[in-house]
Amino acid sequence: MKMQWTSVWGFVRRNLLTTLTILGVIVGIALGLGLRAVPDDGETWSQRDVTYINYVGDLFLRTLKALILPLIVSSLIAAVGSLDLSLSKKIGGRAVLYYLVTTVLAVILGIVLVVTIKPGSNREDEEVESDPSQQRNVTTVDTLLDLVRNMFPPNLVQACTQQYQTVLKPPASNPAESDIYKWTITGVYSEGMNILGLVVASIVFGVALGATKRENALVLQFFQQLSHIVMKVTGWVIWLSPVGVTFLIASKILEIEDLGDMFGKLGLYFAVVAGGILFHGFVVLSLLYFLFTRNNPLRFIANMGQALATAFGTSSSSASLPVTMQCLEEKNGIDPRVSRFVLPIGATINMDGTALYEAVAAIFIAQLRGLSLSFGNVLAISITATAASIGAAGIPQAGLVTLVMVLDTVGLPAEDVSLIIAVDWLLDRFRTLVNVLGDSFGAAIVYHYSKAELENSKNLVDGGLAATTQLTPNPDPELAFHTDAILVNGDERIVDKNSRL
């Protein structure tokens, strides 16, 4: 009996934070629904009152977002820099291949569901009135070009806070011009971290550091230790997640004016998207994980519970990145060299849930409008949805912005986004959850196929490479260095024994 209680207590201690976070999601939903009943009939919570309720959740989200920049930069540089160039290529190639395949599978699944179930058919005209204020003047070409532009930021400091965005304006000579392709092309730097640009820059820096490992051992050690420090801070911050998630979800429920009316009009659409996203994440991706690794996907998902609950609460795969890394490394035993290389890339370009959502949303709106889609239109939607999901930053409701370019593919106006915006806040949480789960499965699969190579690389370092990449330990604590000479580029460089850092 004592052994049973010991086992139960051990299980509770290991999964306490995960349990509390999932409980926070449930309490948040219940609290939001309960608080909706407080005002009298016909009245709603004021924006100020909702802001007060959201305050604790906002602080939690701000704290998580503050960790994104140091985490991505330090973890990517440390992970890529510690690998051989050939091994980095293999791991990166496997990750990108996995992301591409799963994204295409998600789009195909979404298209099959929406074409089969037809949630947008047989709707009344009053249900398809769009809001012109939601319109954003943008073309598919410009969106794709901006995606590539942001991969090469001209200023890395600016990339920490801003990203480039093309803006189209009517020509001064003809303000009434209706053809958007004839409008004047300008550009602005909009608020929001350019995560894609920082990821590319960090990978390049890491590759360069790995190529000069012998000469720059201290630089590599600096980024490795910085990554450890950020993960330690993350370990403290995630203990706030149960409370933060509770208030984030409760406040979001209070913002909705009429839940019954919302689900009455968009209930079938919501069911198709949410069902498709969850089926893709918990069935398709789980099967892929089992087929490639022969491990139990249910146990893997259970170990990722903390990260999944955080993703659902924050609605941001980037904000969930610190928690995802910790769950993968500590509970699922993934090598940090893989998780810290693969996950930042996945949080930026792997958006399975977003790809499925955008394909379903575009065809759903076409069905509402009574537009008959040819096979070519559906193929164009699938390709554009895949590209758009890659361009969707890992921030809340970014998929709603990139949906505009998918609508443009089939000739639908940008303001039609307003037709589905009522349920997007909730769908955004489901697709973020599956995005994070997909990133995690990807890291596990890549690690499974890279395990032998990583072990060989580690043995090589242990066998002698470490001696050339680290300074000899100093027996005299008063001296920073106690090395007569070190080898740099084949030449001896004399180091003063009495020199200090």
Protein backbone atom coordinates (compact mmCIF):
# COMPACT_ATOMS: atom_id res chain seq x y z
CA MET A 1 0.00 0.00 0.00
CA LYS A 2 2.85 2.32 0.86
CA MET A 3 4.47 1.58 -2.51
CA GLN A 4 1.23 2.47 -4.30
CA TRP A 5 0.99 5.83 -2.55
CA THR A 6 4.66 6.48 -3.33
CA SER A 7 4.02 5.78 -7.02
CA VAL A 8 0.94 8.00 -7.06
CA TRP A 9 2.78 10.83 -5.33
CA GLY A 10 5.69 10.47 -7.77
CA PHE A 11 3.29 10.67 -10.71
CA VAL A 12 1.60 13.76 -9.25
CA ARG A 13 4.93 15.50 -8.69
CA ARG A 14 6.13 14.74 -12.22
CA ASN A 15 2.91 15.96 -13.84
CA LEU A 16 1.78 18.64 -11.38
CA LEU A 17 2.39 21.60 -13.71
CA THR A 18 0.76 19.89 -16.67
CA THR A 19 -2.29 18.98 -14.60
CA LEU A 20 -2.59 22.51 -13.22
CA THR A 21 -2.32 24.06 -16.70
CA ILE A 22 -5.00 21.79 -18.18
CA LEU A 23 -7.12 22.57 -15.13
CA GLY A 24 -6.48 26.26 -15.81
CA VAL A 25 -7.95 25.87 -19.32
CA ILE A 26 -11.08 24.22 -17.90
CA VAL A 27 -11.45 26.80 -15.12
CA GLY A 28 -10.93 29.61 -17.65
CA ILE A 29 -13.78 28.34 -19.83
CA ALA A 30 -16.05 27.88 -16.81
CA LEU A 31 -15.12 31.30 -15.39
CA GLY A 32 -15.76 33.03 -18.71
CA LEU A 33 -19.16 31.40 -19.15
CA GLY A 34 -20.06 32.12 -15.53
CA LEU A 35 -19.07 35.78 -15.70
CA ARG A 36 -21.15 36.23 -18.87
CA ALA A 37 -24.25 35.58 -16.76
CA VAL A 38 -23.45 38.34 -14.25
CA PRO A 39 -24.70 41.42 -16.21
CA ASP A 40 -28.44 41.91 -16.65
CA ASP A 41 -30.17 40.78 -19.86
CA GLY A 42 -29.17 42.88 -22.84
CA GLU A 43 -26.00 44.14 -21.15
CA THR A 44 -22.43 42.99 -21.71
CA TRP A 45 -19.10 43.43 -20.00
CA SER A 46 -17.41 46.73 -20.84
CA GLN A 47 -14.03 46.77 -22.54
CA ARG A 48 -12.43 48.17 -19.37
CA ASP A 49 -13.82 45.34 -17.22
CA VAL A 50 -12.58 42.73 -19.72
CA THR A 51 -9.16 44.40 -19.69
CA TYR A 52 -8.99 44.07 -15.91
CA ILE A 53 -9.82 40.36 -16.11
CA ASN A 54 -7.27 39.85 -18.87
CA TYR A 55 -4.53 41.71 -16.95
CA VAL A 56 -2.90 38.68 -15.32
CA GLY A 57 -3.03 36.72 -18.58
CA ASP A 58 -1.53 39.65 -20.44
CA LEU A 59 1.41 39.77 -18.01
CA PHE A 60 2.01 36.05 -18.53
CA LEU A 61 1.90 36.42 -22.32
CA ARG A 62 4.28 39.40 -22.22
CA THR A 63 6.74 37.41 -20.12
CA LEU A 64 6.68 34.49 -22.54
CA LYS A 65 7.12 36.77 -25.55
CA ALA A 66 10.11 38.42 -23.87
CA LEU A 67 11.85 35.03 -23.92
CA ILE A 68 11.33 34.44 -27.66
CA LEU A 69 14.23 36.57 -28.93
CA PRO A 70 17.01 35.33 -26.59
CA LEU A 71 15.72 31.77 -26.84
CA ILE A 72 15.63 31.57 -30.64
CA VAL A 73 18.98 33.30 -31.15
CA SER A 74 20.94 31.47 -28.43
CA SER A 75 19.42 28.02 -29.01
CA LEU A 76 19.82 28.07 -32.79
CA ILE A 77 23.39 29.38 -32.74
CA ALA A 78 24.41 26.94 -29.98
CA ALA A 79 22.70 23.96 -31.63
CA VAL A 80 23.96 24.59 -35.18
CA GLY A 81 27.40 25.68 -33.99
CA SER A 82 27.91 22.47 -32.00
CA LEU A 83 27.14 20.26 -35.00
CA ASP A 84 29.34 19.40 -37.94
CA LEU A 85 28.30 21.20 -41.13
CA SER A 86 27.34 17.94 -42.85
CA LEU A 87 25.24 16.87 -39.86
CA SER A 88 23.52 20.26 -39.74
CA LYS A 89 22.56 19.83 -43.39
CA LYS A 90 21.11 16.38 -42.74
CA ILE A 91 19.09 17.42 -39.68
CA GLY A 92 17.84 20.59 -41.37
CA GLY A 93 16.93 18.70 -44.53
CA ARG A 94 15.00 16.05 -42.62
CA ALA A 95 13.12 18.69 -40.66
CA VAL A 96 12.14 20.71 -43.73
CA LEU A 97 11.05 17.54 -45.58
CA TYR A 98 8.86 16.53 -42.62
CA TYR A 99 7.33 20.01 -42.40
CA LEU A 100 6.56 20.10 -46.11
CA VAL A 101 4.97 16.63 -46.18
CA THR A 102 2.78 17.19 -43.10
CA THR A 103 1.64 20.61 -44.31
CA VAL A 104 0.57 19.16 -47.66
CA LEU A 105 -1.25 16.32 -45.87
CA ALA A 106 -3.07 18.88 -43.71
CA VAL A 107 -4.19 20.88 -46.76
CA ILE A 108 -5.41 17.74 -48.55
CA LEU A 109 -7.35 16.63 -45.46
CA GLY A 110 -8.97 20.05 -45.12
CA ILE A 111 -10.00 20.19 -48.77
CA VAL A 112 -11.48 16.69 -48.65
CA LEU A 113 -13.52 17.57 -45.56
CA VAL A 114 -14.87 20.91 -46.80
CA VAL A 115 -15.70 19.61 -50.30
CA THR A 116 -17.43 16.54 -48.87
CA ILE A 117 -19.38 18.14 -46.01
CA LYS A 118 -20.00 21.51 -47.76
CA PRO A 119 -20.55 23.64 -44.64
CA GLY A 120 -21.10 26.77 -46.75
CA SER A 121 -23.90 25.43 -48.95
CA ASN A 122 -27.61 26.28 -48.53
CA ARG A 123 -27.03 29.47 -46.52
CA GLU A 124 -29.31 32.46 -46.42
CA ASP A 125 -28.20 35.71 -48.01
CA GLU A 126 -28.18 37.67 -44.77
CA GLU A 127 -25.53 35.38 -43.41
CA VAL A 128 -22.98 36.29 -46.06
CA GLU A 129 -22.75 40.02 -45.61
CA SER A 130 -19.11 41.00 -45.33
CA ASP A 131 -17.57 43.98 -43.61
CA PRO A 132 -15.64 46.28 -45.99
CA SER A 133 -13.68 47.68 -43.04
CA GLN A 134 -11.85 44.35 -42.81
CA GLN A 135 -10.39 44.79 -46.30
CA ARG A 136 -6.64 44.96 -46.72
CA ASN A 137 -5.21 45.85 -50.13
CA VAL A 138 -2.70 43.11 -50.87
CA THR A 139 -1.82 40.71 -53.67
CA THR A 140 -0.58 37.13 -53.50
CA VAL A 141 2.65 38.02 -55.30
CA ASP A 142 3.45 40.84 -52.88
CA THR A 143 2.80 38.62 -49.87
CA LEU A 144 5.17 35.93 -51.15
CA LEU A 145 7.82 38.52 -52.03
CA ASP A 146 7.53 39.99 -48.51
CA LEU A 147 8.08 36.52 -47.09
CA VAL A 148 11.41 36.22 -48.92
CA ARG A 149 12.36 39.84 -48.15
CA ASN A 150 11.91 39.26 -44.44
CA MET A 151 14.31 36.32 -44.61
CA PHE A 152 17.07 38.86 -45.34
CA PRO A 153 16.58 41.79 -42.94
CA PRO A 154 18.83 44.79 -43.66
CA ASN A 155 19.14 45.52 -39.94
CA LEU A 156 19.17 42.69 -37.41
CA VAL A 157 18.42 45.05 -34.53
CA GLN A 158 15.36 46.35 -36.38
CA ALA A 159 14.32 42.74 -37.11
CA CYS A 160 13.88 42.24 -33.36
CA THR A 161 10.90 44.60 -33.36
CA GLN A 162 9.73 45.18 -36.95
CA GLN A 163 9.12 43.37 -40.23
CA TYR A 164 8.70 44.64 -43.77
CA GLN A 165 5.28 44.83 -45.40
CA THR A 166 4.32 45.97 -48.92
CA VAL A 167 1.60 48.63 -49.03
CA LEU A 168 -0.38 49.43 -52.17
CA LYS A 169 -1.86 52.89 -52.67
CA PRO A 170 -4.05 54.28 -55.47
CA PRO A 171 -1.98 56.27 -57.99
CA ALA A 172 -2.08 60.03 -57.47
CA SER A 173 -2.91 60.58 -61.16
CA ASN A 174 -5.95 58.26 -60.96
CA PRO A 175 -7.25 57.79 -57.38
CA ALA A 176 -10.30 55.88 -58.66
CA GLU A 177 -8.18 53.13 -60.28
CA SER A 178 -9.84 49.77 -59.49
CA ASP A 179 -7.07 47.46 -60.75
CA ILE A 180 -4.92 46.89 -57.66
CA TYR A 181 -2.01 45.72 -59.82
CA LYS A 182 -1.72 49.26 -61.21
CA TRP A 183 -1.52 50.87 -57.78
CA THR A 184 1.67 52.49 -56.49
CA ILE A 185 3.91 50.09 -54.58
CA THR A 186 5.28 51.34 -51.26
CA GLY A 187 6.54 49.62 -48.15
CA VAL A 188 6.48 50.11 -44.41
CA TYR A 189 8.01 48.40 -41.41
CA SER A 190 5.14 47.17 -39.26
CA GLU A 191 5.31 46.33 -35.59
CA GLY A 192 6.11 42.69 -34.83
CA MET A 193 9.29 40.65 -34.51
CA ASN A 194 10.70 39.40 -37.80
CA ILE A 195 11.15 35.85 -36.50
CA LEU A 196 11.87 34.37 -39.93
CA GLY A 197 14.74 36.82 -40.52
CA LEU A 198 16.21 36.15 -37.08
CA VAL A 199 16.00 32.39 -37.63
CA VAL A 200 17.86 32.64 -40.95
CA ALA A 201 20.50 34.97 -39.48
CA SER A 202 21.00 32.71 -36.45
CA ILE A 203 21.40 29.60 -38.62
CA VAL A 204 24.00 31.35 -40.82
CA PHE A 205 25.87 32.57 -37.75
CA GLY A 206 25.72 29.09 -36.24
CA VAL A 207 27.06 27.47 -39.43
CA ALA A 208 29.94 29.98 -39.49
CA LEU A 209 30.64 29.30 -35.82
CA GLY A 210 30.63 25.56 -36.45
CA ALA A 211 33.08 25.98 -39.33
CA THR A 212 35.50 27.93 -37.08
CA LYS A 213 34.93 25.86 -33.95
CA ARG A 214 38.63 25.46 -33.20
CA GLU A 215 39.30 29.19 -33.12
CA ASN A 216 36.04 30.35 -31.54
CA ALA A 217 35.41 27.86 -28.76
CA LEU A 218 34.66 30.59 -26.23
CA VAL A 219 32.01 32.14 -28.48
CA LEU A 220 30.27 28.79 -28.85
CA GLN A 221 30.43 28.23 -25.09
CA PHE A 222 28.92 31.67 -24.53
CA PHE A 223 25.85 30.90 -26.63
CA GLN A 224 25.52 27.44 -25.08
CA GLN A 225 25.53 28.90 -21.58
CA LEU A 226 23.17 31.70 -22.63
CA SER A 227 20.76 29.07 -23.94
CA HIS A 228 20.94 27.24 -20.59
CA ILE A 229 20.24 30.47 -18.70
CA VAL A 230 17.20 31.27 -20.85
CA MET A 231 15.84 27.76 -20.31
CA LYS A 232 16.31 28.17 -16.57
CA VAL A 233 14.29 31.42 -16.64
CA THR A 234 11.69 29.60 -18.75
CA GLY A 235 11.42 26.97 -16.03
CA TRP A 236 10.43 29.70 -13.59
CA VAL A 237 8.03 31.50 -15.92
CA ILE A 238 5.98 28.45 -16.89
CA TRP A 239 4.83 28.03 -13.31
CA LEU A 240 2.68 31.09 -14.02
CA SER A 241 0.94 29.30 -16.89
CA PRO A 242 -2.02 27.81 -14.95
CA VAL A 243 -3.11 31.27 -13.73
CA GLY A 244 -2.19 33.08 -16.95
CA VAL A 245 -4.05 30.63 -19.20
CA THR A 246 -7.15 30.83 -16.96
CA PHE A 247 -7.52 34.59 -17.35
CA LEU A 248 -6.57 34.67 -21.04
CA ILE A 249 -9.37 32.26 -21.93
CA ALA A 250 -11.93 33.81 -19.54
CA SER A 251 -11.40 37.31 -20.94
CA LYS A 252 -11.63 36.09 -24.54
CA ILE A 253 -14.99 34.42 -23.84
CA LEU A 254 -16.26 37.67 -22.30
CA GLU A 255 -15.36 39.62 -25.47
CA ILE A 256 -17.82 37.63 -27.61
CA GLU A 257 -21.14 39.46 -27.89
CA ASP A 258 -23.43 36.49 -28.61
CA LEU A 259 -22.03 32.96 -28.38
CA GLY A 260 -25.30 31.34 -29.43
CA ASP A 261 -25.67 33.43 -32.56
CA MET A 262 -22.01 32.91 -33.47
CA PHE A 263 -22.17 29.11 -33.33
CA GLY A 264 -25.62 29.10 -34.92
CA LYS A 265 -24.29 30.71 -38.09
CA LEU A 266 -20.82 29.18 -38.18
CA GLY A 267 -21.31 25.99 -36.18
CA LEU A 268 -20.82 23.54 -39.06
CA TYR A 269 -17.81 25.47 -40.38
CA PHE A 270 -16.30 25.49 -36.87
CA ALA A 271 -16.91 21.75 -36.51
CA VAL A 272 -15.24 20.98 -39.87
CA VAL A 273 -12.15 23.09 -39.15
CA ALA A 274 -11.74 22.06 -35.51
CA GLY A 275 -12.46 18.40 -36.26
CA GLY A 276 -10.06 18.37 -39.20
CA ILE A 277 -7.29 20.07 -37.22
CA LEU A 278 -7.62 17.71 -34.26
CA PHE A 279 -7.85 14.63 -36.52
CA HIS A 280 -4.70 15.72 -38.34
CA GLY A 281 -2.79 16.34 -35.10
CA PHE A 282 -3.89 13.41 -32.97
CA VAL A 283 -4.44 10.76 -35.66
CA VAL A 284 -2.42 11.54 -38.82
CA LEU A 285 0.67 12.91 -37.07
CA SER A 286 0.47 10.25 -34.35
CA LEU A 287 0.42 7.52 -37.02
CA LEU A 288 3.43 9.09 -38.76
CA TYR A 289 5.29 9.22 -35.44
CA PHE A 290 4.49 5.56 -34.73
CA LEU A 291 5.42 4.39 -38.24
CA PHE A 292 8.78 6.19 -38.23
CA THR A 293 9.87 5.63 -34.62
CA ARG A 294 7.81 2.62 -33.41
CA ASN A 295 7.21 4.48 -30.15
CA ASN A 296 3.92 5.07 -28.35
CA PRO A 297 2.47 8.41 -29.58
CA LEU A 298 -0.01 8.58 -26.68
CA ARG A 299 2.80 8.63 -24.14
CA PHE A 300 4.60 11.27 -26.21
CA ILE A 301 1.48 13.47 -26.36
CA ALA A 302 0.91 13.05 -22.61
CA ASN A 303 4.46 14.25 -21.95
CA MET A 304 3.77 17.30 -24.15
CA GLY A 305 0.60 18.19 -22.19
CA GLN A 306 2.13 21.29 -20.60
CA ALA A 307 3.21 22.71 -23.97
CA LEU A 308 -0.13 21.91 -25.62
CA ALA A 309 -2.12 23.56 -22.82
CA THR A 310 0.12 26.64 -23.03
CA ALA A 311 -0.34 26.76 -26.81
CA PHE A 312 -4.12 26.62 -26.42
CA GLY A 313 -4.10 29.36 -23.80
CA THR A 314 -1.66 31.77 -25.48
CA SER A 315 -2.68 31.09 -29.09
CA SER A 316 0.95 31.58 -30.11
CA SER A 317 3.37 28.86 -31.18
CA SER A 318 6.32 31.24 -30.71
CA ALA A 319 5.26 32.13 -27.16
CA SER A 320 4.90 28.40 -26.43
CA LEU A 321 8.41 27.66 -27.76
CA PRO A 322 10.23 27.78 -24.38
CA VAL A 323 7.72 25.37 -22.81
CA THR A 324 7.83 23.07 -25.87
CA MET A 325 11.61 22.82 -25.66
CA GLN A 326 11.51 21.96 -21.99
CA CYS A 327 8.86 19.25 -22.43
CA LEU A 328 10.74 17.66 -25.34
CA GLU A 329 14.12 17.61 -23.62
CA GLU A 330 13.12 16.75 -20.05
CA LYS A 331 10.11 14.46 -20.57
CA ASN A 332 10.63 12.94 -24.02
CA GLY A 333 14.42 12.74 -23.94
CA ILE A 334 15.12 14.59 -27.19
CA ASP A 335 18.74 15.69 -27.66
CA PRO A 336 18.95 19.50 -27.11
CA ARG A 337 21.09 19.79 -30.25
CA VAL A 338 18.09 18.62 -32.25
CA SER A 339 15.26 20.30 -30.34
CA ARG A 340 16.95 23.70 -30.22
CA PHE A 341 17.76 23.52 -33.92
CA VAL A 342 14.49 22.08 -35.23
CA LEU A 343 11.88 23.74 -32.99
CA PRO A 344 12.66 27.42 -33.77
CA ILE A 345 12.47 26.60 -37.47
CA GLY A 346 9.24 24.67 -36.94
CA ALA A 347 7.65 27.47 -34.92
CA THR A 348 8.33 29.76 -37.89
CA ILE A 349 7.51 27.69 -40.99
CA ASN A 350 5.60 24.58 -39.85
CA MET A 351 1.93 25.54 -39.56
CA ASP A 352 -0.12 22.41 -40.27
CA GLY A 353 -3.20 23.71 -38.45
CA THR A 354 -2.99 27.07 -40.20
CA ALA A 355 -2.65 25.45 -43.64
CA LEU A 356 -5.73 23.27 -43.08
CA TYR A 357 -7.70 26.21 -41.73
CA GLU A 358 -6.89 28.48 -44.67
CA ALA A 359 -7.81 25.86 -47.27
CA VAL A 360 -11.13 25.12 -45.54
CA ALA A 361 -11.91 28.81 -44.94
CA ALA A 362 -11.32 29.81 -48.58
CA ILE A 363 -13.54 27.04 -49.98
CA PHE A 364 -16.17 27.68 -47.28
CA ILE A 365 -16.40 31.35 -48.29
CA ALA A 366 -16.60 30.34 -51.96
CA GLN A 367 -19.51 28.04 -51.06
CA LEU A 368 -21.22 30.89 -49.21
CA ARG A 369 -20.88 33.06 -52.30
CA GLY A 370 -22.22 30.30 -54.55
CA LEU A 371 -18.93 30.19 -56.46
CA SER A 372 -18.28 26.88 -58.24
CA LEU A 373 -14.64 25.88 -57.96
CA SER A 374 -12.85 23.89 -60.66
CA PHE A 375 -10.11 21.38 -59.97
CA GLY A 376 -7.60 24.05 -60.97
CA ASN A 377 -9.05 26.45 -58.39
CA VAL A 378 -8.82 23.82 -55.65
CA LEU A 379 -5.24 23.00 -56.66
CA ALA A 380 -4.36 26.72 -56.59
CA ILE A 381 -5.92 27.01 -53.12
CA SER A 382 -3.91 24.04 -51.85
CA ILE A 383 -0.61 25.45 -53.14
CA THR A 384 -1.34 28.96 -51.88
CA ALA A 385 -2.53 27.71 -48.48
CA THR A 386 0.74 25.78 -48.08
CA ALA A 387 2.80 28.87 -48.96
CA ALA A 388 0.64 31.14 -46.81
CA SER A 389 1.01 28.91 -43.76
CA ILE A 390 4.80 29.19 -44.07
CA GLY A 391 4.47 32.97 -44.18
CA ALA A 392 2.21 33.08 -41.12
CA ALA A 393 4.23 34.31 -38.17
CA GLY A 394 3.85 32.36 -34.94
CA ILE A 395 1.65 35.03 -33.35
CA PRO A 396 -2.07 35.09 -32.51
CA GLN A 397 -4.41 35.23 -35.52
CA ALA A 398 -1.60 35.64 -38.07
CA GLY A 399 -3.40 33.07 -40.23
CA LEU A 400 -6.28 35.49 -40.64
CA VAL A 401 -3.92 37.92 -42.36
CA THR A 402 -2.41 35.39 -44.76
CA LEU A 403 -5.91 34.06 -45.56
CA VAL A 404 -6.33 37.18 -47.69
CA MET A 405 -3.82 35.89 -50.25
CA VAL A 406 -5.64 32.53 -50.43
CA LEU A 407 -8.93 34.33 -51.13
CA ASP A 408 -7.19 36.37 -53.83
CA THR A 409 -6.26 33.11 -55.57
CA VAL A 410 -9.91 32.33 -56.38
CA GLY A 411 -10.94 35.95 -56.95
CA LEU A 412 -12.77 36.52 -53.65
CA PRO A 413 -12.63 39.99 -52.06
CA ALA A 414 -10.40 40.51 -49.02
CA GLU A 415 -13.28 41.81 -46.89
CA ASP A 416 -14.85 38.32 -46.97
CA VAL A 417 -12.45 37.47 -44.14
CA SER A 418 -15.02 39.14 -41.87
CA LEU A 419 -17.46 36.29 -42.57
CA ILE A 420 -15.48 33.89 -40.38
CA ILE A 421 -13.79 36.27 -37.95
CA ALA A 422 -16.40 35.59 -35.26
CA VAL A 423 -15.03 32.11 -34.49
CA ASP A 424 -11.42 32.71 -35.48
CA TRP A 425 -10.30 33.44 -31.90
CA LEU A 426 -11.25 29.89 -30.86
CA LEU A 427 -10.08 28.14 -34.02
CA ASP A 428 -6.76 29.96 -33.63
CA ARG A 429 -6.23 28.12 -30.36
CA PHE A 430 -6.92 24.72 -31.92
CA ARG A 431 -4.61 25.30 -34.86
CA THR A 432 -1.83 26.62 -32.57
CA LEU A 433 -2.15 23.49 -30.45
CA VAL A 434 -1.71 21.26 -33.53
CA ASN A 435 1.12 23.46 -34.87
CA VAL A 436 3.04 22.91 -31.62
CA LEU A 437 2.25 19.19 -31.62
CA GLY A 438 3.45 18.92 -35.22
CA ASP A 439 6.72 20.70 -34.36
CA SER A 440 7.24 18.32 -31.45
CA PHE A 441 6.57 15.17 -33.48
CA GLY A 442 8.92 16.50 -36.14
CA ALA A 443 11.75 17.03 -33.66
CA ALA A 444 11.24 13.50 -32.29
CA ILE A 445 11.26 11.90 -35.76
CA VAL A 446 14.35 13.86 -36.84
CA TYR A 447 16.11 12.88 -33.61
CA HIS A 448 15.23 9.21 -34.17
CA TYR A 449 16.90 9.20 -37.60
CA SER A 450 19.85 11.34 -36.46
CA LYS A 451 20.58 9.48 -33.21
CA ALA A 452 23.50 7.41 -34.51
CA GLU A 453 25.14 10.38 -36.23
CA LEU A 454 24.74 12.53 -33.12
CA GLU A 455 26.34 9.79 -31.01
CA ASN A 456 29.27 9.51 -33.41
CA SER A 457 29.70 13.26 -33.35
CA LYS A 458 29.67 13.23 -29.54
CA ASN A 459 32.25 10.45 -29.42
CA LEU A 460 34.47 12.39 -31.80
CA VAL A 461 34.36 15.40 -29.51
CA ASP A 462 34.99 13.28 -26.43
CA GLY A 463 37.86 11.55 -28.20
CA GLY A 464 39.98 14.60 -28.80
CA LEU A 465 38.18 17.43 -30.57
CA ALA A 466 37.25 18.95 -27.22
CA ALA A 467 40.90 19.42 -26.45
CA THR A 468 41.29 21.69 -29.43
CA THR A 469 38.13 23.69 -28.76
CA GLN A 470 38.59 24.41 -25.07
CA LEU A 471 41.35 26.10 -23.15
CA THR A 472 43.23 24.00 -20.62
CA PRO A 473 41.73 24.32 -17.10
CA ASN A 474 43.78 26.69 -14.99
CA PRO A 475 45.14 25.21 -11.77
CA ASP A 476 45.77 28.69 -10.43
CA PRO A 477 42.41 30.40 -9.67
CA GLU A 478 44.10 33.80 -9.84
CA LEU A 479 44.95 33.37 -13.51
CA ALA A 480 42.47 33.54 -16.36
CA PHE A 481 44.69 31.45 -18.64
CA HIS A 482 47.55 29.04 -18.01
CA THR A 483 48.35 28.05 -21.55
CA ASP A 484 51.76 28.48 -23.12
CA ALA A 485 50.48 28.41 -26.69
CA ILE A 486 47.31 27.64 -28.57
CA LEU A 487 46.95 26.68 -32.19
CA VAL A 488 45.08 29.13 -34.38
CA ASN A 489 44.86 28.51 -38.14
CA GLY A 490 48.00 26.41 -37.97
CA ASP A 491 50.14 29.11 -36.32
CA GLU A 492 51.32 29.31 -32.74
CA ARG A 493 50.00 32.32 -30.83
CA ILE A 494 51.82 32.96 -27.54
CA VAL A 495 49.55 33.69 -24.62
CA ASP A 496 50.86 35.49 -21.56
CA LYS A 497 50.41 33.25 -18.51
CA ASN A 498 49.60 36.26 -16.38
CA SER A 499 46.98 37.72 -18.74
CA ARG A 500 43.51 38.01 -17.26
CA LEU A 501 39.98 38.12 -18.72
